[in-house]
């Protein structure tokens, strides 16, 4: 289980674009706008398309943040379950040893 939660979601998913800074995003959106202008789109349409893409990027960044929070909660619950399971194993082992000791004393004499 440790390997599952050891690295950020974005890197594990192979999506390095989720780790970009705002300045990186601004440069990419500027590059998109320039590419649309070179392709023949009007400046207004190119700007709107870049803004719309920025809105989607913000939305996906929010989803990634919520997934990271969910991942942390799941990791903590798994850790608690593993701890409880270890305790239960010790209880069962002690109970088995105690029961066998009593049975030995009863039937050995």
Protein backbone atom coordinates (compact mmCIF):
# COMPACT_ATOMS: atom_id res chain seq x y z
CA UNK A 1 0.00 0.00 0.00
CA UNK A 2 2.88 2.38 0.61
CA UNK A 3 3.77 2.55 -3.09
CA UNK A 4 0.22 3.50 -4.00
CA UNK A 5 0.32 6.73 -2.01
CA UNK A 6 4.02 7.60 -2.13
CA UNK A 7 3.99 10.15 -4.95
CA UNK A 8 1.64 12.94 -6.04
CA UNK A 9 -1.33 12.02 -8.18
CA UNK A 10 -0.20 14.09 -11.15
CA UNK A 11 3.20 12.43 -11.45
CA UNK A 12 1.77 8.95 -10.91
CA UNK A 13 -0.78 9.53 -13.65
CA UNK A 14 1.97 10.68 -16.02
CA UNK A 15 0.48 14.15 -16.38
CA UNK A 16 3.26 16.65 -15.71
CA UNK A 17 1.09 19.55 -16.90
CA UNK A 18 -0.79 19.41 -13.60
CA UNK A 19 2.34 20.57 -11.74
CA UNK A 20 2.80 23.76 -13.78
CA UNK A 21 2.89 27.21 -12.28
CA UNK A 22 0.64 30.11 -13.25
CA UNK A 23 3.39 31.73 -15.30
CA UNK A 24 3.84 28.50 -17.27
CA UNK A 25 0.10 28.40 -17.93
CA UNK A 26 0.08 32.05 -19.03
CA UNK A 27 2.89 31.37 -21.49
CA UNK A 28 1.10 28.34 -22.88
CA UNK A 29 -2.18 30.21 -23.25
CA UNK A 30 -0.32 33.06 -24.96
CA UNK A 31 1.25 30.52 -27.28
CA UNK A 32 -2.18 29.04 -27.98
CA UNK A 33 -3.56 32.49 -28.77
CA UNK A 34 -0.63 33.18 -31.11
CA UNK A 35 -1.07 29.80 -32.82
CA UNK A 36 -4.76 30.49 -33.37
CA UNK A 37 -3.94 33.92 -34.79
CA UNK A 38 -1.39 32.41 -37.17
CA UNK A 39 -3.97 29.81 -38.18
CA UNK A 40 -6.29 32.62 -39.24
CA UNK A 41 -8.62 33.12 -36.28
CA UNK A 42 -9.66 36.63 -35.37
CA UNK A 43 -7.97 38.16 -32.30
CA UNK A 44 -11.27 38.15 -30.39
CA UNK A 45 -11.93 34.47 -31.10
CA UNK A 46 -8.33 33.50 -30.33
CA UNK A 47 -8.49 35.36 -27.02
CA UNK A 48 -11.83 33.79 -26.11
CA UNK A 49 -10.55 30.31 -26.95
CA UNK A 50 -7.46 30.84 -24.78
CA UNK A 51 -9.64 32.13 -21.92
CA UNK A 52 -11.96 29.15 -22.23
CA UNK A 53 -9.01 26.78 -22.12
CA UNK A 54 -7.74 28.60 -19.02
CA UNK A 55 -11.14 28.08 -17.36
CA UNK A 56 -10.95 24.35 -18.08
CA UNK A 57 -7.40 24.23 -16.73
CA UNK A 58 -8.53 25.90 -13.48
CA UNK A 59 -11.43 23.45 -13.24
CA UNK A 60 -9.14 20.45 -13.74
CA UNK A 61 -6.65 21.81 -11.22
CA UNK A 62 -9.49 21.97 -8.68
CA UNK A 63 -10.39 18.36 -9.46
CA UNK A 64 -6.78 17.31 -8.99
CA UNK A 65 -6.65 19.09 -5.63
CA UNK A 66 -9.82 17.35 -4.45
CA UNK A 67 -8.45 13.99 -5.61
CA UNK A 68 -5.24 14.60 -3.67
CA UNK A 69 -7.30 15.30 -0.53
CA UNK A 70 -9.32 12.15 -1.11
CA UNK A 71 -6.10 10.20 -1.60
CA UNK A 72 -4.78 11.45 1.75
CA UNK A 73 -8.00 10.45 3.54
CA UNK A 74 -7.92 6.98 2.00
CA UNK A 75 -4.25 6.55 2.98
CA UNK A 76 -4.99 7.47 6.60
CA UNK A 77 -7.93 5.05 6.72
CA UNK A 78 -5.77 2.24 5.32
CA UNK A 79 -3.15 2.97 7.97
CA UNK A 80 -5.81 2.78 10.70
CA UNK A 81 -7.17 -0.50 9.34
CA UNK A 82 -3.67 -1.98 9.18
CA UNK A 83 -3.07 -0.95 12.80
CA UNK A 84 -6.37 -2.46 13.91
CA UNK A 85 -5.57 -5.66 12.03
CA UNK A 86 -2.22 -5.96 13.81
CA UNK A 87 -3.94 -5.53 17.17
CA UNK A 88 -6.54 -8.17 16.31
CA UNK A 89 -3.79 -10.61 15.31
CA UNK A 90 -2.10 -10.14 18.69
CA UNK A 91 -5.41 -10.61 20.52
CA UNK A 92 -6.15 -13.82 18.61
CA UNK A 93 -2.64 -15.15 19.23
CA UNK A 94 -2.85 -14.44 22.97
CA UNK A 95 -6.33 -15.98 23.16
CA UNK A 96 -5.17 -19.10 21.32
CA UNK A 97 -2.14 -19.52 23.60
CA UNK A 98 -4.24 -18.97 26.72
CA UNK A 99 -6.93 -21.43 25.56
CA UNK A 100 -4.36 -24.09 24.69
CA UNK A 101 -2.72 -23.62 28.10
CA UNK A 102 -6.05 -24.14 29.89
CA UNK A 103 -6.91 -27.18 27.76
CA UNK A 104 -3.47 -28.66 28.43
CA UNK A 105 -3.91 -28.25 32.20
CA UNK A 106 -7.42 -29.71 32.13
CA UNK A 107 -6.65 -32.77 30.03
CA UNK A 108 -3.04 -33.42 31.08
CA UNK A 109 -3.98 -34.23 34.69
